Amino acid sequence: MQHGRRFPIADEPQRNLAAFQCELSGWNRGFGLQGEEYMSSPTQTQSQSQRLSPANRRLLLIIAGFLVVFFTPFEAARVSAGIRESFLLLSYYAREHVLLCLIPAFFIAGAIMVFLNQQAVIKYLGPTAAKPIAYSVGAVSGSVLSVCSCTVLPLFKGIYQKGAGLGPAVAFLYSGPAINVMAIILTARVLGLQLGIARAVGSIVFAVILGLSMHFIFRREDEERTTNAAMFSAGVDIERPRSLRQDTGFMAILILILVFLNWPSAEGDVALWDAIYRARYLIAGGLGVVMLVMIKRWFAREEVGEWAGATRNFALQITPLLFLGILIAGFLLGRPGHEALIPEHYIANLVGGNSLGANVFAAVAGAFMYFATLTEVPIMQGLIGAGMGQGPALALLLAGPSLSLPAMLVIHGELGTTKTVTYIAIVVAVSSLAGMFYGAVFA
């Protein structure tokens, strides 16, 4: 009997193999691999090979970038125009929308997360709230803002994360850019009273239809989401001595600042409207002074710091996806009135008449295009002049302002793939059916 031996002789090869694996793993750490990937069983090797190290993921990204640069025909006129339009559209958005639209929207979203009473949000906008109240509040509050599809995103994320049900939050998301009073007036004046009325009625009805559809499809999941109140907590609990009326007044001031900073011109059609347009910065500045006084008197320093942190978090979550989407949209479709990779006459040729295909294509094209506030009207004027049917025109007007490729990326980051695809599909389907009905009955 060999008392000094702990393993049988048959185990000697395995022990030598284990020592070799340890030595080999040290050699391969510099390559982001483990020695076991070479010496383990086929089943283990297959499962481990599916987990790439950060170094190998970076290498794959570099290879993919090289292949894109190598095979892209940059000398082609369409590709060059697409690249140029992508950065020009991003530049336009940065100059016209970031300072006056997006940044105020981030501050409002942060204030929603920090200052609004969570129980009040769940009571009036939660999944179990009375539907007439919830959807009326969601649709009306969105329409008051009259912002583009990108500016409404931080506000949507704010109320959704605070506890609003999916249905009312989606109604708010759609109504913000779609039920724009000035855009509807401009549509009636430029494209005809009939189309303007159809857009107004369709937008209001669709906001409710979209919200109710999303609510019933994801009802169980949405109710489970709101059962854990800590899920919607903005941070540490701070004693807030203010009344609900004071919090509501402060939120109203923030929203009014956003509204007046982006007040559009009526171009001489409505004297009072244009007078407000000329004084918009003065009005917003006065409201800003009121806001500062409220902060000084009503809010603790810790609350203001928490507000700034929530605002920063929304900016970090939304801005990269938004800018990436704008670059892609600019590369494919260009700015309004400018061609990029996809020629405009291709779109115009596919939306003539009132067939199902023309309406679906118009709704899909509108859903992916980026429209700044009020820019959809002159675009539609040009497409109708090029032969676009009245039905597809309405389909694009209903789907376009409420969606865009940048907005889809941000919505996906908040709701996930299933809910985002469902939302887009409902928007496209309902807009297409409305376009067909309008084209067949009224046009």
Protein backbone atom coordinates (compact mmCIF):
# COMPACT_ATOMS: atom_id res chain seq x y z
CA MET A 1 0.00 0.00 0.00
CA GLN A 2 1.40 3.41 -0.98
CA HIS A 3 0.49 5.77 1.82
CA GLY A 4 2.06 8.90 0.28
CA ARG A 5 -0.02 8.82 -2.89
CA ARG A 6 -3.38 10.68 -2.89
CA PHE A 7 -4.46 9.88 -6.48
CA PRO A 8 -4.39 6.67 -8.41
CA ILE A 9 -1.94 6.29 -11.25
CA ALA A 10 -4.78 6.54 -13.76
CA ASP A 11 -5.34 10.17 -12.75
CA GLU A 12 -1.81 11.25 -13.64
CA PRO A 13 -2.64 12.34 -17.24
CA GLN A 14 -5.57 14.42 -16.02
CA ARG A 15 -3.41 16.20 -13.46
CA ASN A 16 -0.75 16.92 -16.07
CA LEU A 17 -3.46 18.18 -18.43
CA ALA A 18 -4.84 20.50 -15.74
CA ALA A 19 -1.40 21.96 -15.13
CA PHE A 20 -0.94 22.50 -18.85
CA GLN A 21 -4.34 24.26 -19.03
CA CYS A 22 -3.38 26.64 -16.23
CA GLU A 23 -0.15 27.53 -17.99
CA LEU A 24 -1.89 27.91 -21.34
CA SER A 25 -4.61 30.16 -19.87
CA GLY A 26 -1.91 32.56 -18.71
CA TRP A 27 -0.47 32.75 -22.23
CA ASN A 28 -3.87 33.53 -23.73
CA ARG A 29 -5.10 36.23 -21.36
CA GLY A 30 -3.50 38.84 -23.57
CA PHE A 31 -5.70 37.66 -26.42
CA GLY A 32 -8.92 37.83 -24.38
CA LEU A 33 -9.25 34.00 -24.44
CA GLN A 34 -9.12 31.28 -21.78
CA GLY A 35 -7.00 28.18 -22.02
CA GLU A 36 -10.03 26.03 -21.30
CA GLU A 37 -11.46 27.03 -24.67
CA TYR A 38 -8.78 24.88 -26.29
CA MET A 39 -8.75 21.88 -23.98
CA SER A 40 -12.37 21.50 -22.81
CA SER A 41 -14.98 19.19 -24.27
CA PRO A 42 -16.77 20.14 -27.52
CA THR A 43 -19.96 21.02 -25.62
CA GLN A 44 -18.10 23.29 -23.20
CA THR A 45 -16.11 24.85 -26.02
CA GLN A 46 -19.31 25.66 -27.95
CA SER A 47 -20.96 27.37 -24.97
CA GLN A 48 -17.80 29.30 -24.09
CA SER A 49 -17.23 30.41 -27.68
CA GLN A 50 -20.59 32.16 -27.60
CA ARG A 51 -19.27 34.53 -24.92
CA LEU A 52 -16.81 36.89 -26.55
CA SER A 53 -14.45 38.87 -24.37
CA PRO A 54 -14.52 42.68 -24.55
CA ALA A 55 -11.26 42.64 -26.50
CA ASN A 56 -12.69 40.31 -29.13
CA ARG A 57 -15.91 42.34 -29.37
CA ARG A 58 -13.85 45.45 -30.05
CA LEU A 59 -11.91 43.51 -32.68
CA LEU A 60 -15.13 42.47 -34.40
CA LEU A 61 -16.36 46.07 -34.39
CA ILE A 62 -13.10 47.19 -35.96
CA ILE A 63 -13.41 44.49 -38.63
CA ALA A 64 -17.03 45.42 -39.32
CA GLY A 65 -16.10 49.10 -39.60
CA PHE A 66 -13.27 48.25 -41.98
CA LEU A 67 -15.59 46.21 -44.20
CA VAL A 68 -18.15 49.02 -44.32
CA VAL A 69 -15.49 51.56 -45.28
CA PHE A 70 -13.88 49.15 -47.77
CA PHE A 71 -17.06 48.25 -49.68
CA THR A 72 -19.06 51.51 -49.47
CA PRO A 73 -18.94 53.34 -52.83
CA PHE A 74 -18.26 56.80 -51.44
CA GLU A 75 -17.65 58.11 -54.95
CA ALA A 76 -21.29 57.43 -55.86
CA ALA A 77 -23.35 60.62 -55.92
CA ARG A 78 -26.22 59.17 -53.89
CA VAL A 79 -23.96 57.87 -51.13
CA SER A 80 -22.04 61.15 -50.93
CA ALA A 81 -25.31 63.08 -50.81
CA GLY A 82 -26.64 60.77 -48.10
CA ILE A 83 -23.56 61.23 -45.90
CA ARG A 84 -23.69 65.00 -46.39
CA GLU A 85 -27.42 65.16 -45.63
CA SER A 86 -27.05 63.04 -42.49
CA PHE A 87 -24.69 65.55 -40.89
CA LEU A 88 -26.58 68.57 -42.22
CA LEU A 89 -29.79 67.20 -40.70
CA LEU A 90 -27.98 66.60 -37.40
CA SER A 91 -26.60 70.13 -37.53
CA TYR A 92 -30.07 71.52 -38.23
CA TYR A 93 -31.53 69.57 -35.32
CA ALA A 94 -28.75 70.69 -32.96
CA ARG A 95 -29.25 74.35 -33.86
CA GLU A 96 -33.03 74.47 -34.03
CA HIS A 97 -34.19 71.93 -31.46
CA VAL A 98 -31.62 71.01 -28.82
CA LEU A 99 -31.36 74.31 -26.90
CA LEU A 100 -35.01 75.39 -27.08
CA CYS A 101 -36.79 72.01 -27.26
CA LEU A 102 -34.76 69.07 -26.01
CA ILE A 103 -32.97 70.61 -23.02
CA PRO A 104 -36.18 72.12 -21.53
CA ALA A 105 -37.87 68.75 -22.12
CA PHE A 106 -35.08 67.01 -20.17
CA PHE A 107 -35.62 69.38 -17.23
CA ILE A 108 -39.39 68.78 -17.32
CA ALA A 109 -38.85 65.01 -17.40
CA GLY A 110 -36.47 65.27 -14.46
CA ALA A 111 -39.00 67.36 -12.55
CA ILE A 112 -41.70 64.77 -13.25
CA MET A 113 -39.50 62.07 -11.76
CA VAL A 114 -38.50 64.06 -8.67
CA PHE A 115 -41.33 66.46 -7.81
CA LEU A 116 -44.59 64.87 -8.98
CA ASN A 117 -46.43 62.78 -6.43
CA GLN A 118 -46.18 59.17 -7.54
CA GLN A 119 -49.53 58.16 -6.08
CA ALA A 120 -51.24 60.99 -7.97
CA VAL A 121 -49.65 59.84 -11.25
CA ILE A 122 -50.78 56.25 -10.66
CA LYS A 123 -54.25 57.42 -9.57
CA TYR A 124 -54.94 59.48 -12.71
CA LEU A 125 -52.70 57.81 -15.31
CA GLY A 126 -52.05 54.31 -13.94
CA PRO A 127 -53.22 51.05 -15.56
CA THR A 128 -56.18 50.78 -13.18
CA ALA A 129 -57.22 54.45 -13.39
CA ALA A 130 -60.63 55.36 -14.81
CA LYS A 131 -60.14 55.23 -18.56
CA PRO A 132 -62.07 58.42 -19.45
CA ILE A 133 -59.91 60.40 -17.04
CA ALA A 134 -56.61 58.66 -17.84
CA TYR A 135 -56.87 58.92 -21.61
CA SER A 136 -58.31 62.43 -21.53
CA VAL A 137 -55.43 63.61 -19.35
CA GLY A 138 -52.87 61.78 -21.51
CA ALA A 139 -54.19 63.08 -24.85
CA VAL A 140 -54.93 66.65 -23.71
CA SER A 141 -51.66 67.13 -21.82
CA GLY A 142 -49.73 65.89 -24.85
CA SER A 143 -51.59 68.17 -27.25
CA VAL A 144 -50.89 71.24 -25.08
CA LEU A 145 -47.16 70.84 -25.69
CA SER A 146 -47.32 70.85 -29.53
CA VAL A 147 -43.75 69.54 -29.90
CA CYS A 148 -42.03 67.24 -32.39
CA SER A 149 -41.72 63.47 -32.04
CA CYS A 150 -38.26 63.74 -30.48
CA THR A 151 -38.96 66.47 -27.91
CA VAL A 152 -41.91 64.53 -26.45
CA LEU A 153 -39.71 61.50 -25.69
CA PRO A 154 -38.15 62.69 -22.40
CA LEU A 155 -41.60 63.64 -21.11
CA PHE A 156 -43.00 60.24 -22.10
CA LYS A 157 -40.16 58.47 -20.31
CA GLY A 158 -40.72 60.65 -17.25
CA ILE A 159 -44.41 59.89 -16.76
CA TYR A 160 -43.99 56.23 -17.71
CA GLN A 161 -41.17 55.67 -15.23
CA LYS A 162 -43.12 57.56 -12.58
CA GLY A 163 -45.99 55.09 -12.76
CA ALA A 164 -48.28 56.04 -15.63
CA GLY A 165 -49.94 53.11 -17.37
CA LEU A 166 -48.73 52.08 -20.80
CA GLY A 167 -52.01 53.11 -22.47
CA PRO A 168 -52.22 56.71 -21.15
CA ALA A 169 -48.46 57.13 -21.65
CA VAL A 170 -48.75 56.04 -25.29
CA ALA A 171 -51.74 58.37 -25.79
CA PHE A 172 -49.53 61.18 -24.48
CA LEU A 173 -46.63 60.06 -26.70
CA TYR A 174 -48.80 60.18 -29.83
CA SER A 175 -50.82 63.31 -29.06
CA GLY A 176 -47.83 65.55 -28.29
CA PRO A 177 -46.57 65.84 -31.88
CA ALA A 178 -49.77 64.73 -33.68
CA ILE A 179 -52.40 67.04 -32.13
CA ASN A 180 -50.53 70.26 -32.86
CA VAL A 181 -53.00 73.15 -33.13
CA MET A 182 -50.82 75.29 -35.39
CA ALA A 183 -49.91 72.32 -37.61
CA ILE A 184 -53.59 71.46 -38.07
CA ILE A 185 -54.42 75.09 -38.93
CA LEU A 186 -51.53 75.20 -41.41
CA THR A 187 -52.68 71.90 -42.95
CA ALA A 188 -56.18 73.30 -43.51
CA ARG A 189 -54.82 76.53 -45.00
CA VAL A 190 -52.23 74.96 -47.33
CA LEU A 191 -53.63 71.51 -48.14
CA GLY A 192 -57.35 72.24 -47.84
CA LEU A 193 -59.96 72.51 -45.10
CA GLN A 194 -61.19 68.97 -45.64
CA LEU A 195 -57.76 67.40 -45.12
CA GLY A 196 -57.14 69.66 -42.11
CA ILE A 197 -60.37 68.54 -40.42
CA ALA A 198 -59.60 64.89 -41.23
CA ARG A 199 -56.16 65.25 -39.65
CA ALA A 200 -57.57 66.89 -36.50
CA VAL A 201 -60.30 64.28 -35.99
CA GLY A 202 -58.03 61.37 -36.87
CA SER A 203 -55.25 62.48 -34.49
CA ILE A 204 -57.60 62.82 -31.50
CA VAL A 205 -59.32 59.49 -32.15
CA PHE A 206 -56.04 57.69 -32.85
CA ALA A 207 -54.45 58.87 -29.60
CA VAL A 208 -57.18 57.05 -27.68
CA ILE A 209 -57.21 54.01 -30.00
CA LEU A 210 -53.44 53.57 -29.71
CA GLY A 211 -53.51 53.90 -25.95
CA LEU A 212 -56.39 51.48 -25.47
CA SER A 213 -54.85 48.96 -27.89
CA MET A 214 -51.50 48.96 -26.09
CA HIS A 215 -53.28 48.72 -22.74
CA PHE A 216 -55.32 45.66 -23.66
CA ILE A 217 -52.44 43.87 -25.41
CA PHE A 218 -50.01 44.32 -22.49
CA ARG A 219 -52.54 44.75 -19.67
CA ARG A 220 -51.27 42.00 -17.35
CA GLU A 221 -47.63 42.97 -17.72
CA ASP A 222 -48.43 46.63 -17.17
CA GLU A 223 -50.39 45.96 -13.98
CA GLU A 224 -47.52 43.87 -12.63
CA ARG A 225 -45.13 46.73 -13.39
CA THR A 226 -47.01 49.12 -11.10
CA THR A 227 -47.39 46.75 -8.16
CA ASN A 228 -43.91 47.51 -6.88
CA ALA A 229 -43.89 51.18 -5.91
CA ALA A 230 -40.14 51.18 -5.39
CA MET A 231 -39.72 50.58 -9.11
CA PHE A 232 -40.75 54.17 -9.78
CA SER A 233 -38.80 55.79 -6.99
CA ALA A 234 -36.77 58.78 -8.13
CA GLY A 235 -34.23 58.44 -5.35
CA VAL A 236 -34.00 58.87 -1.61
CA ASP A 237 -37.08 60.05 0.17
CA ILE A 238 -36.93 63.75 1.01
CA GLU A 239 -39.51 65.47 3.12
CA ARG A 240 -41.37 67.87 0.84
CA PRO A 241 -43.41 70.48 2.66
CA ARG A 242 -45.06 71.80 -0.52
CA SER A 243 -48.67 71.25 -1.40
CA LEU A 244 -49.87 69.46 -4.52
CA ARG A 245 -51.01 72.83 -5.87
CA GLN A 246 -47.48 74.22 -5.56
CA ASP A 247 -45.95 71.24 -7.35
CA THR A 248 -48.55 71.49 -10.10
CA GLY A 249 -47.92 75.23 -10.48
CA PHE A 250 -44.19 74.68 -10.79
CA MET A 251 -44.70 71.98 -13.45
CA ALA A 252 -47.07 74.30 -15.31
CA ILE A 253 -44.41 77.05 -15.40
CA LEU A 254 -41.85 74.61 -16.85
CA ILE A 255 -44.29 73.47 -19.53
CA LEU A 256 -45.23 77.06 -20.42
CA ILE A 257 -41.55 77.93 -20.84
CA LEU A 258 -41.20 75.05 -23.32
CA VAL A 259 -44.39 76.08 -25.15
CA PHE A 260 -43.46 79.76 -25.56
CA LEU A 261 -39.84 79.04 -26.50
CA ASN A 262 -41.18 77.03 -29.44
CA TRP A 263 -44.20 79.17 -30.35
CA PRO A 264 -44.55 79.06 -34.16
CA SER A 265 -45.38 81.93 -36.47
CA ALA A 266 -48.78 82.20 -38.16
CA GLU A 267 -47.14 84.15 -41.01
CA GLY A 268 -49.63 87.00 -40.79
CA ASP A 269 -52.82 84.93 -40.72
CA VAL A 270 -53.58 85.46 -37.00
CA ALA A 271 -52.48 88.82 -35.56
CA LEU A 272 -52.59 87.78 -31.88
CA TRP A 273 -50.71 84.57 -32.62
CA ASP A 274 -47.96 86.49 -34.41
CA ALA A 275 -47.79 89.04 -31.58
CA ILE A 276 -47.12 86.21 -29.14
CA TYR A 277 -44.53 84.83 -31.57
CA ARG A 278 -42.63 88.12 -31.59
CA ALA A 279 -42.69 88.31 -27.79
CA ARG A 280 -42.04 84.61 -27.16
CA TYR A 281 -38.54 85.00 -25.72
CA LEU A 282 -39.62 87.86 -23.46
CA ILE A 283 -42.55 85.80 -22.15
CA ALA A 284 -40.34 82.75 -21.63
CA GLY A 285 -37.78 84.91 -19.82
CA GLY A 286 -40.43 86.26 -17.48
CA LEU A 287 -41.62 82.74 -16.74
CA GLY A 288 -38.02 81.76 -16.09
CA VAL A 289 -37.77 84.45 -13.40
CA VAL A 290 -40.95 83.10 -11.80
CA MET A 291 -39.45 79.61 -11.88
CA LEU A 292 -36.28 80.78 -10.11
CA VAL A 293 -38.34 82.47 -7.39
CA MET A 294 -40.32 79.26 -6.88
CA ILE A 295 -37.12 77.23 -6.61
CA LYS A 296 -35.68 79.67 -4.07
CA ARG A 297 -38.77 79.68 -1.85
CA TRP A 298 -40.19 76.19 -2.17
CA PHE A 299 -37.38 73.74 -2.81
CA ALA A 300 -34.58 72.37 -0.67
CA ARG A 301 -31.06 72.20 -2.02
CA GLU A 302 -31.15 68.40 -1.94
CA GLU A 303 -34.24 68.41 -4.15
CA VAL A 304 -32.61 70.67 -6.71
CA GLY A 305 -29.58 68.38 -6.80
CA GLU A 306 -31.83 65.37 -7.25
CA TRP A 307 -33.63 67.18 -10.08
CA ALA A 308 -30.33 67.93 -11.80
CA GLY A 309 -29.29 64.29 -11.49
CA ALA A 310 -32.56 63.03 -12.97
CA THR A 311 -32.25 65.53 -15.84
CA ARG A 312 -28.70 64.36 -16.52
CA ASN A 313 -29.80 60.72 -16.58
CA PHE A 314 -32.52 61.41 -19.15
CA ALA A 315 -30.02 63.27 -21.33
CA LEU A 316 -27.54 60.39 -21.17
CA GLN A 317 -30.22 57.82 -22.00
CA ILE A 318 -31.88 59.65 -24.89
CA THR A 319 -29.34 61.88 -26.65
CA PRO A 320 -27.01 59.19 -28.14
CA LEU A 321 -29.91 57.17 -29.60
CA LEU A 322 -31.62 60.31 -30.84
CA PHE A 323 -28.55 61.60 -32.66
CA LEU A 324 -27.83 58.17 -34.15
CA GLY A 325 -31.39 57.97 -35.47
CA ILE A 326 -31.15 61.45 -36.98
CA LEU A 327 -27.92 60.52 -38.77
CA ILE A 328 -29.54 57.38 -40.24
CA ALA A 329 -32.72 59.24 -41.24
CA GLY A 330 -30.67 61.99 -42.88
CA PHE A 331 -28.56 59.46 -44.78
CA LEU A 332 -31.63 57.69 -46.16
CA LEU A 333 -34.10 60.54 -46.75
CA GLY A 334 -32.24 63.84 -46.25
CA ARG A 335 -33.61 67.14 -45.03
CA PRO A 336 -36.97 68.47 -46.22
CA GLY A 337 -36.54 69.55 -49.82
CA HIS A 338 -33.17 67.80 -50.22
CA GLU A 339 -32.51 64.35 -51.63
CA ALA A 340 -30.21 61.79 -50.06
CA LEU A 341 -29.80 58.06 -50.73
CA ILE A 342 -33.48 57.46 -51.58
CA PRO A 343 -34.81 59.83 -54.29
CA GLU A 344 -38.04 61.66 -53.48
CA HIS A 345 -39.65 60.75 -56.80
CA TYR A 346 -39.45 57.07 -55.82
CA ILE A 347 -41.66 57.83 -52.84
CA ALA A 348 -44.00 60.01 -54.91
CA ASN A 349 -44.44 57.26 -57.51
CA LEU A 350 -45.37 54.70 -54.84
CA VAL A 351 -48.06 56.78 -53.14
CA GLY A 352 -50.23 57.69 -56.12
CA GLY A 353 -53.89 56.64 -56.10
CA ASN A 354 -55.66 55.15 -53.10
CA SER A 355 -54.67 51.49 -53.09
CA LEU A 356 -53.83 49.56 -49.94
CA GLY A 357 -50.18 49.43 -50.97
CA ALA A 358 -50.01 53.19 -51.50
CA ASN A 359 -51.53 53.90 -48.09
CA VAL A 360 -49.34 51.38 -46.27
CA PHE A 361 -46.22 52.67 -47.98
CA ALA A 362 -47.15 56.28 -47.11
CA ALA A 363 -47.69 55.33 -43.46
CA VAL A 364 -44.42 53.37 -43.27
CA ALA A 365 -42.45 56.14 -45.00
CA GLY A 366 -43.96 58.72 -42.69
CA ALA A 367 -43.16 56.62 -39.63
CA PHE A 368 -39.46 56.48 -40.52
CA MET A 369 -39.04 60.09 -41.71
CA TYR A 370 -38.09 62.83 -39.28
CA PHE A 371 -40.40 65.87 -39.33
CA ALA A 372 -39.55 68.96 -37.36
CA THR A 373 -42.62 70.82 -36.12
CA LEU A 374 -44.71 72.16 -39.05
CA THR A 375 -42.28 70.93 -41.73
CA GLU A 376 -44.59 68.09 -42.75
CA VAL A 377 -47.03 70.53 -44.41
CA PRO A 378 -44.70 71.90 -47.13
CA ILE A 379 -43.36 68.38 -47.69
CA MET A 380 -46.89 67.11 -48.23
CA GLN A 381 -47.62 70.03 -50.55
CA GLY A 382 -44.72 68.97 -52.77
CA LEU A 383 -45.68 65.28 -52.73
CA ILE A 384 -49.33 66.02 -53.57
CA GLY A 385 -48.13 68.21 -56.43
CA ALA A 386 -46.03 65.27 -57.65
CA GLY A 387 -49.08 62.99 -57.78
CA MET A 388 -49.61 61.73 -54.24
CA GLY A 389 -53.20 60.63 -53.53
CA GLN A 390 -55.35 62.25 -50.85
CA GLY A 391 -55.69 58.99 -48.90
CA PRO A 392 -51.94 58.33 -48.65
CA ALA A 393 -51.47 62.01 -47.79
CA LEU A 394 -53.66 61.61 -44.71
CA ALA A 395 -51.95 58.32 -43.82
CA LEU A 396 -48.57 60.06 -43.86
CA LEU A 397 -49.88 63.03 -41.87
CA LEU A 398 -51.22 60.71 -39.17
CA ALA A 399 -48.15 58.46 -38.93
CA GLY A 400 -45.35 60.89 -39.75
CA PRO A 401 -45.32 63.59 -37.04
CA SER A 402 -45.90 61.08 -34.22
CA LEU A 403 -43.07 58.72 -35.20
CA SER A 404 -39.58 58.89 -36.64
CA LEU A 405 -36.55 56.64 -36.78
CA PRO A 406 -34.83 58.55 -33.92
CA ALA A 407 -37.99 58.25 -31.83
CA MET A 408 -38.21 54.50 -32.51
CA LEU A 409 -34.71 53.96 -31.12
CA VAL A 410 -35.51 55.85 -27.92
CA ILE A 411 -38.91 54.16 -27.48
CA HIS A 412 -37.22 50.78 -27.94
CA GLY A 413 -34.77 51.64 -25.18
CA GLU A 414 -37.67 52.29 -22.81
CA LEU A 415 -40.33 49.74 -23.83
CA GLY A 416 -38.31 46.95 -25.42
CA THR A 417 -38.65 45.28 -28.80
CA THR A 418 -42.11 43.71 -28.48
CA LYS A 419 -43.94 46.83 -27.29
CA THR A 420 -42.10 49.09 -29.73
CA VAL A 421 -42.86 46.90 -32.75
CA THR A 422 -46.49 46.62 -31.63
CA TYR A 423 -46.80 50.40 -31.26
CA ILE A 424 -45.30 51.03 -34.71
CA ALA A 425 -47.50 48.35 -36.29
CA ILE A 426 -50.68 49.86 -34.78
CA VAL A 427 -49.72 53.36 -35.94
CA VAL A 428 -49.05 52.13 -39.48
CA ALA A 429 -52.16 49.94 -39.65
CA VAL A 430 -54.60 52.52 -38.30
CA SER A 431 -53.10 55.32 -40.42
CA SER A 432 -53.33 53.14 -43.55
CA LEU A 433 -56.97 52.23 -42.91
CA ALA A 434 -57.87 55.86 -42.23
CA GLY A 435 -56.15 56.90 -45.45
CA MET A 436 -58.03 54.31 -47.49
CA PHE A 437 -61.36 55.33 -45.95
CA TYR A 438 -60.71 59.03 -46.51
CA GLY A 439 -59.52 58.50 -50.06
CA ALA A 440 -62.53 56.37 -50.93
CA VAL A 441 -65.26 58.48 -49.29
CA PHE A 442 -64.11 62.10 -49.20
CA ALA A 443 -61.30 62.63 -51.70
